[in-house]
């Protein structure tokens, strides 16, 4: 669902004047999509909670912040 959620969110944010772009990448070997916020350099991952951090701790339901090292 990451593609569907991220694509819809990209369209909504763009209509609201918030610059963002869809990014395809991999997290721990799995294909994943998130948004890049070019004005801040942060990412917005609206489906982050489907993954755990490499140390096994849970990701928040929605992640906004610097791109983690394991996002490739």
N, C-alpha and C. Protein backbone atom coordinates (compact mmCIF):
# COMPACT_ATOMS: atom_id res chain seq x y z
N UNK A 1 0.81 -1.21 0.00
CA UNK A 1 0.00 0.00 0.00
C UNK A 1 0.85 1.27 0.00
N UNK A 2 2.16 1.14 0.17
CA UNK A 2 2.99 2.34 0.26
C UNK A 2 2.91 3.18 -1.01
N UNK A 3 2.84 2.54 -2.19
CA UNK A 3 2.75 3.30 -3.43
C UNK A 3 1.43 4.06 -3.50
N UNK A 4 0.33 3.37 -3.21
CA UNK A 4 -1.00 4.01 -3.29
C UNK A 4 -1.11 5.16 -2.30
N UNK A 5 -0.67 4.95 -1.08
CA UNK A 5 -0.76 5.99 -0.05
C UNK A 5 0.15 7.17 -0.40
N UNK A 6 1.38 6.88 -0.78
CA UNK A 6 2.34 7.95 -1.07
C UNK A 6 1.94 8.76 -2.30
N UNK A 7 1.41 8.08 -3.32
CA UNK A 7 0.97 8.78 -4.53
C UNK A 7 -0.20 9.72 -4.22
N UNK A 8 -1.16 9.21 -3.48
CA UNK A 8 -2.31 10.05 -3.11
C UNK A 8 -1.88 11.23 -2.25
N UNK A 9 -1.00 10.98 -1.31
CA UNK A 9 -0.51 12.05 -0.43
C UNK A 9 0.29 13.08 -1.21
N UNK A 10 1.09 12.62 -2.18
CA UNK A 10 1.84 13.55 -3.02
C UNK A 10 0.89 14.49 -3.77
N UNK A 11 -0.18 13.95 -4.32
CA UNK A 11 -1.15 14.77 -5.03
C UNK A 11 -1.82 15.78 -4.12
N UNK A 12 -2.21 15.34 -2.94
CA UNK A 12 -2.87 16.24 -1.99
C UNK A 12 -1.92 17.36 -1.53
N UNK A 13 -0.70 16.99 -1.14
CA UNK A 13 0.24 18.00 -0.67
C UNK A 13 0.58 19.00 -1.78
N UNK A 14 0.71 18.50 -3.00
CA UNK A 14 0.99 19.40 -4.13
C UNK A 14 -0.15 20.38 -4.35
N UNK A 15 -1.40 19.92 -4.21
CA UNK A 15 -2.55 20.82 -4.35
C UNK A 15 -2.54 21.88 -3.25
N UNK A 16 -2.00 21.54 -2.09
CA UNK A 16 -1.92 22.49 -0.98
C UNK A 16 -0.67 23.38 -1.04
N UNK A 17 0.13 23.21 -2.11
CA UNK A 17 1.31 24.05 -2.29
C UNK A 17 2.55 23.56 -1.56
N UNK A 18 2.53 22.32 -1.09
CA UNK A 18 3.69 21.76 -0.39
C UNK A 18 4.47 20.93 -1.39
N UNK A 19 5.71 21.33 -1.64
CA UNK A 19 6.54 20.63 -2.60
C UNK A 19 6.96 19.28 -2.04
N UNK A 20 6.83 18.25 -2.87
CA UNK A 20 7.27 16.92 -2.50
C UNK A 20 7.41 16.10 -3.78
N UNK A 21 8.11 14.99 -3.66
CA UNK A 21 8.20 14.09 -4.81
C UNK A 21 8.27 12.66 -4.32
N UNK A 22 7.71 11.78 -5.11
CA UNK A 22 7.67 10.36 -4.80
C UNK A 22 9.05 9.76 -5.00
N UNK A 23 9.45 8.92 -4.06
CA UNK A 23 10.75 8.26 -4.14
C UNK A 23 10.55 6.75 -4.03
N UNK A 24 11.10 6.01 -4.95
CA UNK A 24 11.10 4.56 -4.89
C UNK A 24 12.45 4.12 -4.36
N UNK A 25 12.44 3.22 -3.42
CA UNK A 25 13.69 2.73 -2.86
C UNK A 25 13.51 1.35 -2.25
N UNK A 26 14.44 1.01 -1.39
CA UNK A 26 14.38 -0.27 -0.69
C UNK A 26 14.65 -0.05 0.79
N UNK A 27 13.93 -0.83 1.58
CA UNK A 27 14.16 -0.85 3.02
C UNK A 27 14.40 -2.30 3.39
N UNK A 28 15.58 -2.56 3.89
CA UNK A 28 15.95 -3.91 4.31
C UNK A 28 15.64 -4.94 3.23
N UNK A 29 15.88 -4.56 1.96
CA UNK A 29 15.71 -5.46 0.82
C UNK A 29 14.32 -5.47 0.20
N UNK A 30 13.36 -4.76 0.78
CA UNK A 30 11.99 -4.71 0.26
C UNK A 30 11.75 -3.40 -0.48
N UNK A 31 11.08 -3.48 -1.64
CA UNK A 31 10.72 -2.27 -2.39
C UNK A 31 9.75 -1.44 -1.56
N UNK A 32 9.96 -0.11 -1.58
CA UNK A 32 9.15 0.77 -0.77
C UNK A 32 9.09 2.15 -1.42
N UNK A 33 8.03 2.90 -1.11
CA UNK A 33 7.86 4.27 -1.61
C UNK A 33 7.64 5.21 -0.44
N UNK A 34 8.19 6.42 -0.57
CA UNK A 34 8.00 7.48 0.41
C UNK A 34 8.10 8.81 -0.31
N UNK A 35 7.87 9.89 0.37
CA UNK A 35 7.96 11.23 -0.23
C UNK A 35 9.21 11.93 0.26
N UNK A 36 9.80 12.71 -0.62
CA UNK A 36 10.92 13.59 -0.27
C UNK A 36 10.38 15.02 -0.24
N UNK A 37 10.70 15.72 0.82
CA UNK A 37 10.32 17.13 0.97
C UNK A 37 11.55 17.97 0.66
N UNK A 38 11.69 18.44 -0.60
CA UNK A 38 12.94 19.09 -1.02
C UNK A 38 13.26 20.38 -0.28
N UNK A 39 12.25 21.06 0.22
CA UNK A 39 12.52 22.31 0.94
C UNK A 39 13.29 22.08 2.24
N UNK A 40 13.08 20.91 2.86
CA UNK A 40 13.75 20.62 4.13
C UNK A 40 14.79 19.51 4.00
N UNK A 41 14.68 18.70 2.95
CA UNK A 41 15.55 17.54 2.80
C UNK A 41 15.06 16.33 3.58
N UNK A 42 13.96 16.48 4.29
CA UNK A 42 13.40 15.37 5.07
C UNK A 42 12.58 14.46 4.17
N UNK A 43 12.20 13.31 4.72
CA UNK A 43 11.28 12.42 4.04
C UNK A 43 9.99 12.34 4.83
N UNK A 44 8.94 11.91 4.16
CA UNK A 44 7.67 11.63 4.80
C UNK A 44 7.29 10.22 4.36
N UNK A 45 7.31 9.31 5.30
CA UNK A 45 6.95 7.92 5.04
C UNK A 45 5.64 7.64 5.75
N UNK A 46 4.55 7.65 4.98
CA UNK A 46 3.21 7.50 5.56
C UNK A 46 2.87 6.07 5.93
N UNK A 47 3.72 5.12 5.56
CA UNK A 47 3.49 3.71 5.91
C UNK A 47 4.71 3.10 6.57
N UNK A 48 5.41 3.90 7.35
CA UNK A 48 6.67 3.46 7.98
C UNK A 48 6.48 2.29 8.94
N UNK A 49 5.30 2.19 9.53
CA UNK A 49 5.11 1.16 10.56
C UNK A 49 5.08 -0.27 10.03
N UNK A 50 5.17 -0.45 8.72
CA UNK A 50 5.26 -1.81 8.21
C UNK A 50 6.67 -2.38 8.33
N UNK A 51 7.62 -1.54 8.76
CA UNK A 51 9.00 -1.97 8.92
C UNK A 51 9.47 -1.75 10.35
N UNK A 52 10.48 -2.51 10.73
CA UNK A 52 11.17 -2.28 11.99
C UNK A 52 12.54 -1.69 11.67
N UNK A 53 13.08 -0.95 12.61
CA UNK A 53 14.44 -0.46 12.47
C UNK A 53 15.39 -1.66 12.50
N UNK A 54 16.61 -1.51 11.98
CA UNK A 54 17.55 -2.63 11.99
C UNK A 54 17.80 -3.21 13.39
N UNK A 55 17.61 -2.39 14.43
CA UNK A 55 17.81 -2.90 15.80
C UNK A 55 16.58 -3.61 16.34
N UNK A 56 15.51 -3.72 15.52
CA UNK A 56 14.31 -4.44 15.92
C UNK A 56 13.23 -3.59 16.56
N UNK A 57 13.50 -2.32 16.82
CA UNK A 57 12.47 -1.45 17.39
C UNK A 57 11.50 -1.00 16.30
N UNK A 58 10.29 -0.70 16.73
CA UNK A 58 9.23 -0.34 15.78
C UNK A 58 9.43 1.06 15.22
N UNK A 59 9.05 1.23 13.98
CA UNK A 59 8.97 2.55 13.37
C UNK A 59 7.62 3.15 13.76
N UNK A 60 7.50 4.47 13.78
CA UNK A 60 6.19 5.09 14.06
C UNK A 60 5.25 4.84 12.87
N UNK A 61 3.95 5.00 13.09
CA UNK A 61 3.02 4.81 11.98
C UNK A 61 3.34 5.71 10.78
N UNK A 62 3.69 6.94 11.04
CA UNK A 62 4.10 7.90 10.00
C UNK A 62 5.42 8.49 10.45
N UNK A 63 6.40 8.48 9.54
CA UNK A 63 7.71 9.02 9.88
C UNK A 63 7.97 10.27 9.06
N UNK A 64 8.36 11.36 9.72
CA UNK A 64 8.80 12.58 9.06
C UNK A 64 10.12 12.97 9.71
N UNK A 65 11.16 13.09 8.90
CA UNK A 65 12.46 13.46 9.42
C UNK A 65 13.55 13.13 8.42
N UNK A 66 14.79 13.17 8.88
CA UNK A 66 15.90 12.84 7.99
C UNK A 66 15.78 11.40 7.49
N UNK A 67 16.25 11.17 6.27
CA UNK A 67 16.19 9.81 5.72
C UNK A 67 17.09 8.89 6.53
N UNK A 68 16.54 7.83 7.12
CA UNK A 68 17.36 6.88 7.87
C UNK A 68 18.39 6.20 6.96
N UNK A 69 19.47 5.78 7.56
CA UNK A 69 20.56 5.13 6.80
C UNK A 69 20.12 3.88 6.07
N UNK A 70 19.15 3.17 6.62
CA UNK A 70 18.74 1.91 6.00
C UNK A 70 17.72 2.11 4.88
N UNK A 71 17.28 3.31 4.61
CA UNK A 71 16.45 3.61 3.44
C UNK A 71 17.40 3.78 2.25
N UNK A 72 17.32 2.91 1.28
CA UNK A 72 18.23 2.95 0.13
C UNK A 72 17.48 3.28 -1.15
